[in-house]
Amino acid sequence: MKWGMFAGNSIIVILIVLFEWQKMKSNQKKEKAALVTLSVLGLLLAQLLVFFPDLPGPTQFIDSLFRPLGKLLEE
């Protein structure tokens, strides 16, 4: 089941990139690079969440990062 979701995510992202790539003009190199970069990062995050659904979210990371600062400011 997980490999089906893995393949499904990959196919959807590839189709989105191909569809958007055709709409872009040939001289939009930075925009194309941004599209590919953000799509790959999104795909990697989606694939990680398929195999490890209990990963902590970004709010938990920020909370653990700023908790010592909050304790320092309370004093």
PDB file of N, CA and C in Angstrom:
ATOM      1  N   MET A   1       0.816  -1.194   0.000  1.00  0.00           N
ATOM      2  CA  MET A   1       0.000   0.000   0.000  1.00  0.00           C
ATOM      3  C   MET A   1       0.859   1.257   0.000  1.00  0.00           C
ATOM      4  N   LYS A   2       1.946   1.254   0.795  1.00  0.00           N
ATOM      5  CA  LYS A   2       2.799   2.431   0.860  1.00  0.00           C
ATOM      6  C   LYS A   2       3.496   2.676  -0.477  1.00  0.00           C
ATOM      7  N   TRP A   3       3.876   1.609  -1.164  1.00  0.00           N
ATOM      8  CA  TRP A   3       4.553   1.798  -2.451  1.00  0.00           C
ATOM      9  C   TRP A   3       3.594   2.331  -3.501  1.00  0.00           C
ATOM     10  N   GLY A   4       2.319   2.007  -3.373  1.00  0.00           N
ATOM     11  CA  GLY A   4       1.320   2.566  -4.276  1.00  0.00           C
ATOM     12  C   GLY A   4       1.163   4.066  -4.061  1.00  0.00           C
ATOM     13  N   MET A   5       1.160   4.480  -2.794  1.00  0.00           N
ATOM     14  CA  MET A   5       1.091   5.908  -2.488  1.00  0.00           C
ATOM     15  C   MET A   5       2.364   6.615  -2.940  1.00  0.00           C
ATOM     16  N   PHE A   6       3.491   5.947  -2.790  1.00  0.00           N
ATOM     17  CA  PHE A   6       4.773   6.498  -3.241  1.00  0.00           C
ATOM     18  C   PHE A   6       4.739   6.743  -4.747  1.00  0.00           C
ATOM     19  N   ALA A   7       4.294   5.744  -5.500  1.00  0.00           N
ATOM     20  CA  ALA A   7       4.210   5.872  -6.959  1.00  0.00           C
ATOM     21  C   ALA A   7       3.157   6.906  -7.354  1.00  0.00           C
ATOM     22  N   GLY A   8       2.048   6.933  -6.656  1.00  0.00           N
ATOM     23  CA  GLY A   8       0.998   7.905  -6.958  1.00  0.00           C
ATOM     24  C   GLY A   8       1.462   9.336  -6.749  1.00  0.00           C
ATOM     25  N   ASN A   9       2.145   9.582  -5.638  1.00  0.00           N
ATOM     26  CA  ASN A   9       2.694  10.917  -5.389  1.00  0.00           C
ATOM     27  C   ASN A   9       3.670  11.321  -6.485  1.00  0.00           C
ATOM     28  N   SER A  10       4.534  10.384  -6.847  1.00  0.00           N
ATOM     29  CA  SER A  10       5.537  10.681  -7.870  1.00  0.00           C
ATOM     30  C   SER A  10       4.887  11.002  -9.213  1.00  0.00           C
ATOM     31  N   ILE A  11       3.906  10.227  -9.595  1.00  0.00           N
ATOM     32  CA  ILE A  11       3.237  10.447 -10.875  1.00  0.00           C
ATOM     33  C   ILE A  11       2.513  11.787 -10.887  1.00  0.00           C
ATOM     34  N   ILE A  12       1.842  12.113  -9.799  1.00  0.00           N
ATOM     35  CA  ILE A  12       1.111  13.382  -9.735  1.00  0.00           C
ATOM     36  C   ILE A  12       2.067  14.562  -9.841  1.00  0.00           C
ATOM     37  N   VAL A  13       3.190  14.517  -9.120  1.00  0.00           N
ATOM     38  CA  VAL A  13       4.152  15.624  -9.180  1.00  0.00           C
ATOM     39  C   VAL A  13       4.764  15.729 -10.573  1.00  0.00           C
ATOM     40  N   ILE A  14       5.082  14.618 -11.191  1.00  0.00           N
ATOM     41  CA  ILE A  14       5.642  14.640 -12.549  1.00  0.00           C
ATOM     42  C   ILE A  14       4.638  15.244 -13.523  1.00  0.00           C
ATOM     43  N   LEU A  15       3.373  14.865 -13.407  1.00  0.00           N
ATOM     44  CA  LEU A  15       2.357  15.428 -14.299  1.00  0.00           C
ATOM     45  C   LEU A  15       2.183  16.934 -14.086  1.00  0.00           C
ATOM     46  N   ILE A  16       2.223  17.370 -12.837  1.00  0.00           N
ATOM     47  CA  ILE A  16       2.098  18.796 -12.553  1.00  0.00           C
ATOM     48  C   ILE A  16       3.271  19.558 -13.158  1.00  0.00           C
ATOM     49  N   VAL A  17       4.484  19.039 -12.969  1.00  0.00           N
ATOM     50  CA  VAL A  17       5.669  19.719 -13.514  1.00  0.00           C
ATOM     51  C   VAL A  17       5.611  19.761 -15.030  1.00  0.00           C
ATOM     52  N   LEU A  18       5.237  18.670 -15.667  1.00  0.00           N
ATOM     53  CA  LEU A  18       5.154  18.654 -17.133  1.00  0.00           C
ATOM     54  C   LEU A  18       4.089  19.616 -17.648  1.00  0.00           C
ATOM     55  N   PHE A  19       2.956  19.680 -16.974  1.00  0.00           N
ATOM     56  CA  PHE A  19       1.883  20.577 -17.386  1.00  0.00           C
ATOM     57  C   PHE A  19       2.317  22.033 -17.257  1.00  0.00           C
ATOM     58  N   GLU A  20       2.940  22.370 -16.139  1.00  0.00           N
ATOM     59  CA  GLU A  20       3.380  23.747 -15.924  1.00  0.00           C
ATOM     60  C   GLU A  20       4.578  24.104 -16.811  1.00  0.00           C
ATOM     61  N   TRP A  21       5.437  23.125 -17.086  1.00  0.00           N
ATOM     62  CA  TRP A  21       6.624  23.362 -17.924  1.00  0.00           C
ATOM     63  C   TRP A  21       6.211  23.809 -19.321  1.00  0.00           C
ATOM     64  N   GLN A  22       5.151  23.198 -19.851  1.00  0.00           N
ATOM     65  CA  GLN A  22       4.684  23.539 -21.190  1.00  0.00           C
ATOM     66  C   GLN A  22       4.135  24.960 -21.258  1.00  0.00           C
ATOM     67  N   LYS A  23       3.599  25.469 -20.144  1.00  0.00           N
ATOM     68  CA  LYS A  23       3.040  26.803 -20.123  1.00  0.00           C
ATOM     69  C   LYS A  23       4.119  27.890 -20.048  1.00  0.00           C
ATOM     70  N   MET A  24       5.312  27.521 -19.598  1.00  0.00           N
ATOM     71  CA  MET A  24       6.385  28.500 -19.433  1.00  0.00           C
ATOM     72  C   MET A  24       7.096  28.745 -20.752  1.00  0.00           C
ATOM     73  N   LYS A  25       7.563  29.972 -20.902  1.00  0.00           N
ATOM     74  CA  LYS A  25       8.323  30.317 -22.101  1.00  0.00           C
ATOM     75  C   LYS A  25       9.741  29.771 -21.966  1.00  0.00           C
ATOM     76  N   SER A  26      10.422  29.631 -23.089  1.00  0.00           N
ATOM     77  CA  SER A  26      11.750  29.013 -23.073  1.00  0.00           C
ATOM     78  C   SER A  26      12.799  29.883 -22.383  1.00  0.00           C
ATOM     79  N   ASN A  27      12.568  31.200 -22.273  1.00  0.00           N
ATOM     80  CA  ASN A  27      13.567  32.057 -21.652  1.00  0.00           C
ATOM     81  C   ASN A  27      13.356  32.207 -20.140  1.00  0.00           C
ATOM     82  N   GLN A  28      12.422  31.520 -19.558  1.00  0.00           N
ATOM     83  CA  GLN A  28      12.149  31.594 -18.121  1.00  0.00           C
ATOM     84  C   GLN A  28      12.938  30.512 -17.373  1.00  0.00           C
ATOM     85  N   LYS A  29      14.247  30.641 -17.388  1.00  0.00           N
ATOM     86  CA  LYS A  29      15.095  29.610 -16.793  1.00  0.00           C
ATOM     87  C   LYS A  29      15.026  29.611 -15.265  1.00  0.00           C
ATOM     88  N   LYS A  30      14.990  30.784 -14.646  1.00  0.00           N
ATOM     89  CA  LYS A  30      14.918  30.841 -13.180  1.00  0.00           C
ATOM     90  C   LYS A  30      13.580  30.312 -12.677  1.00  0.00           C
ATOM     91  N   GLU A  31      12.521  30.617 -13.382  1.00  0.00           N
ATOM     92  CA  GLU A  31      11.207  30.137 -12.984  1.00  0.00           C
ATOM     93  C   GLU A  31      11.120  28.618 -13.106  1.00  0.00           C
ATOM     94  N   LYS A  32      11.726  28.082 -14.147  1.00  0.00           N
ATOM     95  CA  LYS A  32      11.739  26.630 -14.326  1.00  0.00           C
ATOM     96  C   LYS A  32      12.556  25.957 -13.231  1.00  0.00           C
ATOM     97  N   ALA A  33      13.690  26.562 -12.883  1.00  0.00           N
ATOM     98  CA  ALA A  33      14.519  26.009 -11.807  1.00  0.00           C
ATOM     99  C   ALA A  33      13.759  26.044 -10.477  1.00  0.00           C
ATOM    100  N   ALA A  34      13.037  27.131 -10.229  1.00  0.00           N
ATOM    101  CA  ALA A  34      12.249  27.233  -9.003  1.00  0.00           C
ATOM    102  C   ALA A  34      11.135  26.192  -8.991  1.00  0.00           C
ATOM    103  N   LEU A  35      10.476  25.995 -10.118  1.00  0.00           N
ATOM    104  CA  LEU A  35       9.409  24.994 -10.210  1.00  0.00           C
ATOM    105  C   LEU A  35       9.940  23.605  -9.889  1.00  0.00           C
ATOM    106  N   VAL A  36      11.060  23.243 -10.480  1.00  0.00           N
ATOM    107  CA  VAL A  36      11.626  21.914 -10.254  1.00  0.00           C
ATOM    108  C   VAL A  36      12.085  21.764  -8.804  1.00  0.00           C
ATOM    109  N   THR A  37      12.755  22.788  -8.280  1.00  0.00           N
ATOM    110  CA  THR A  37      13.257  22.715  -6.911  1.00  0.00           C
ATOM    111  C   THR A  37      12.127  22.566  -5.901  1.00  0.00           C
ATOM    112  N   LEU A  38      11.115  23.405  -6.013  1.00  0.00           N
ATOM    113  CA  LEU A  38       9.998  23.319  -5.069  1.00  0.00           C
ATOM    114  C   LEU A  38       9.208  22.026  -5.229  1.00  0.00           C
ATOM    115  N   SER A  39       9.088  21.549  -6.449  1.00  0.00           N
ATOM    116  CA  SER A  39       8.372  20.291  -6.682  1.00  0.00           C
ATOM    117  C   SER A  39       9.123  19.114  -6.080  1.00  0.00           C
ATOM    118  N   VAL A  40      10.434  19.099  -6.231  1.00  0.00           N
ATOM    119  CA  VAL A  40      11.230  18.005  -5.669  1.00  0.00           C
ATOM    120  C   VAL A  40      11.187  18.043  -4.143  1.00  0.00           C
ATOM    121  N   LEU A  41      11.294  19.244  -3.562  1.00  0.00           N
ATOM    122  CA  LEU A  41      11.208  19.346  -2.104  1.00  0.00           C
ATOM    123  C   LEU A  41       9.837  18.904  -1.592  1.00  0.00           C
ATOM    124  N   GLY A  42       8.793  19.292  -2.286  1.00  0.00           N
ATOM    125  CA  GLY A  42       7.451  18.856  -1.899  1.00  0.00           C
ATOM    126  C   GLY A  42       7.276  17.352  -2.030  1.00  0.00           C
ATOM    127  N   LEU A  43       7.837  16.805  -3.104  1.00  0.00           N
ATOM    128  CA  LEU A  43       7.753  15.355  -3.305  1.00  0.00           C
ATOM    129  C   LEU A  43       8.507  14.610  -2.208  1.00  0.00           C
ATOM    130  N   LEU A  44       9.688  15.091  -1.854  1.00  0.00           N
ATOM    131  CA  LEU A  44      10.455  14.441  -0.789  1.00  0.00           C
ATOM    132  C   LEU A  44       9.707  14.482   0.539  1.00  0.00           C
ATOM    133  N   LEU A  45       9.105  15.610   0.849  1.00  0.00           N
ATOM    134  CA  LEU A  45       8.329  15.706   2.083  1.00  0.00           C
ATOM    135  C   LEU A  45       7.132  14.761   2.050  1.00  0.00           C
ATOM    136  N   ALA A  46       6.455  14.687   0.920  1.00  0.00           N
ATOM    137  CA  ALA A  46       5.304  13.782   0.804  1.00  0.00           C
ATOM    138  C   ALA A  46       5.736  12.330   0.946  1.00  0.00           C
ATOM    139  N   GLN A  47       6.871  11.969   0.333  1.00  0.00           N
ATOM    140  CA  GLN A  47       7.347  10.583   0.420  1.00  0.00           C
ATOM    141  C   GLN A  47       7.768  10.244   1.856  1.00  0.00           C
ATOM    142  N   LEU A  48       8.400  11.203   2.539  1.00  0.00           N
ATOM    143  CA  LEU A  48       8.756  10.962   3.940  1.00  0.00           C
ATOM    144  C   LEU A  48       7.512  10.743   4.794  1.00  0.00           C
ATOM    145  N   LEU A  49       6.479  11.530   4.555  1.00  0.00           N
ATOM    146  CA  LEU A  49       5.253  11.381   5.344  1.00  0.00           C
ATOM    147  C   LEU A  49       4.507  10.090   5.024  1.00  0.00           C
ATOM    148  N   VAL A  50       4.706   9.547   3.825  1.00  0.00           N
ATOM    149  CA  VAL A  50       4.087   8.256   3.499  1.00  0.00           C
ATOM    150  C   VAL A  50       4.710   7.152   4.350  1.00  0.00           C
ATOM    151  N   PHE A  51       6.047   7.154   4.458  1.00  0.00           N
ATOM    152  CA  PHE A  51       6.722   6.078   5.174  1.00  0.00           C
ATOM    153  C   PHE A  51       6.849   6.332   6.673  1.00  0.00           C
ATOM    154  N   PHE A  52       6.864   7.606   7.089  1.00  0.00           N
ATOM    155  CA  PHE A  52       6.990   7.949   8.501  1.00  0.00           C
ATOM    156  C   PHE A  52       5.902   8.958   8.863  1.00  0.00           C
ATOM    157  N   PRO A  53       4.668   8.513   9.024  1.00  0.00           N
ATOM    158  CA  PRO A  53       3.566   9.456   9.271  1.00  0.00           C
ATOM    159  C   PRO A  53       3.631  10.155  10.625  1.00  0.00           C
ATOM    160  N   ASP A  54       4.429   9.664  11.553  1.00  0.00           N
ATOM    161  CA  ASP A  54       4.501  10.261  12.885  1.00  0.00           C
ATOM    162  C   ASP A  54       5.643  11.263  13.021  1.00  0.00           C
ATOM    163  N   LEU A  55       6.182  11.742  11.903  1.00  0.00           N
ATOM    164  CA  LEU A  55       7.239  12.750  11.964  1.00  0.00           C
ATOM    165  C   LEU A  55       6.702  14.028  12.606  1.00  0.00           C
ATOM    166  N   PRO A  56       7.529  14.686  13.410  1.00  0.00           N
ATOM    167  CA  PRO A  56       7.064  15.944  14.014  1.00  0.00           C
ATOM    168  C   PRO A  56       6.923  17.027  12.954  1.00  0.00           C
ATOM    169  N   GLY A  57       5.986  17.918  13.172  1.00  0.00           N
ATOM    170  CA  GLY A  57       5.735  18.985  12.226  1.00  0.00           C
ATOM    171  C   GLY A  57       6.625  20.185  12.470  1.00  0.00           C
ATOM    172  N   PRO A  58       6.514  21.174  11.621  1.00  0.00           N
ATOM    173  CA  PRO A  58       7.367  22.356  11.768  1.00  0.00           C
ATOM    174  C   PRO A  58       7.081  23.150  13.038  1.00  0.00           C
ATOM    175  N   THR A  59       5.863  23.133  13.531  1.00  0.00           N
ATOM    176  CA  THR A  59       5.569  23.873  14.752  1.00  0.00           C
ATOM    177  C   THR A  59       6.265  23.250  15.963  1.00  0.00           C
ATOM    178  N   GLN A  60       6.416  21.939  15.961  1.00  0.00           N
ATOM    179  CA  GLN A  60       7.125  21.283  17.051  1.00  0.00           C
ATOM    180  C   GLN A  60       8.615  21.630  17.010  1.00  0.00           C
ATOM    181  N   PHE A  61       9.169  21.776  15.819  1.00  0.00           N
ATOM    182  CA  PHE A  61      10.574  22.169  15.678  1.00  0.00           C
ATOM    183  C   PHE A  61      10.782  23.591  16.196  1.00  0.00           C
ATOM    184  N   ILE A  62       9.899  24.497  15.811  1.00  0.00           N
ATOM    185  CA  ILE A  62      10.012  25.888  16.246  1.00  0.00           C
ATOM    186  C   ILE A  62       9.815  25.983  17.756  1.00  0.00           C
ATOM    187  N   ASP A  63       8.901  25.207  18.296  1.00  0.00           N
ATOM    188  CA  ASP A  63       8.670  25.205  19.734  1.00  0.00           C
ATOM    189  C   ASP A  63       9.922  24.746  20.478  1.00  0.00           C
ATOM    190  N   SER A  64      10.544  23.680  20.020  1.00  0.00           N
ATOM    191  CA  SER A  64      11.758  23.198  20.690  1.00  0.00           C
ATOM    192  C   SER A  64      12.923  24.164  20.501  1.00  0.00           C
ATOM    193  N   LEU A  65      12.916  24.922  19.427  1.00  0.00           N
ATOM    194  CA  LEU A  65      13.981  25.884  19.168  1.00  0.00           C
ATOM    195  C   LEU A  65      13.863  27.104  20.065  1.00  0.00           C
ATOM    196  N   PHE A  66      12.638  27.597  20.281  1.00  0.00           N
ATOM    197  CA  PHE A  66      12.440  28.826  21.036  1.00  0.00           C
ATOM    198  C   PHE A  66      12.035  28.616  22.495  1.00  0.00           C
ATOM    199  N   ARG A  67      11.836  27.386  22.933  1.00  0.00           N
ATOM    200  CA  ARG A  67      11.468  27.139  24.322  1.00  0.00           C
ATOM    201  C   ARG A  67      12.527  27.667  25.291  1.00  0.00           C
ATOM    202  N   PRO A  68      13.822  27.434  25.058  1.00  0.00           N
ATOM    203  CA  PRO A  68      14.822  27.997  25.986  1.00  0.00           C
ATOM    204  C   PRO A  68      14.782  29.522  26.032  1.00  0.00           C
ATOM    205  N   LEU A  69      14.532  30.158  24.910  1.00  0.00           N
ATOM    206  CA  LEU A  69      14.446  31.612  24.880  1.00  0.00           C
ATOM    207  C   LEU A  69      13.236  32.099  25.681  1.00  0.00           C
ATOM    208  N   GLY A  70      12.127  31.391  25.591  1.00  0.00           N
ATOM    209  CA  GLY A  70      10.941  31.744  26.350  1.00  0.00           C
ATOM    210  C   GLY A  70      11.177  31.619  27.846  1.00  0.00           C
ATOM    211  N   LYS A  71      11.869  30.562  28.256  1.00  0.00           N
ATOM    212  CA  LYS A  71      12.172  30.381  29.683  1.00  0.00           C
ATOM    213  C   LYS A  71      13.107  31.486  30.165  1.00  0.00           C
ATOM    214  N   LEU A  72      14.036  31.886  29.316  1.00  0.00           N
ATOM    215  CA  LEU A  72      14.967  32.945  29.684  1.00  0.00           C
ATOM    216  C   LEU A  72      14.244  34.273  29.842  1.00  0.00           C
ATOM    217  N   LEU A  73      13.278  34.535  28.981  1.00  0.00           N
ATOM    218  CA  LEU A  73      12.549  35.796  29.055  1.00  0.00           C
ATOM    219  C   LEU A  73      11.563  35.833  30.219  1.00  0.00           C
ATOM    220  N   GLU A  74      11.085  34.691  30.695  1.00  0.00           N
ATOM    221  CA  GLU A  74      10.166  34.640  31.821  1.00  0.00           C
ATOM    222  C   GLU A  74      10.834  35.057  33.125  1.00  0.00           C
ATOM    223  N   GLU A  75      12.110  34.816  33.218  1.00  0.00           N
ATOM    224  CA  GLU A  75      12.837  35.106  34.465  1.00  0.00           C
ATOM    225  C   GLU A  75      13.060  36.568  34.681  1.00  0.00           C
TER     226      GLU A  75
END
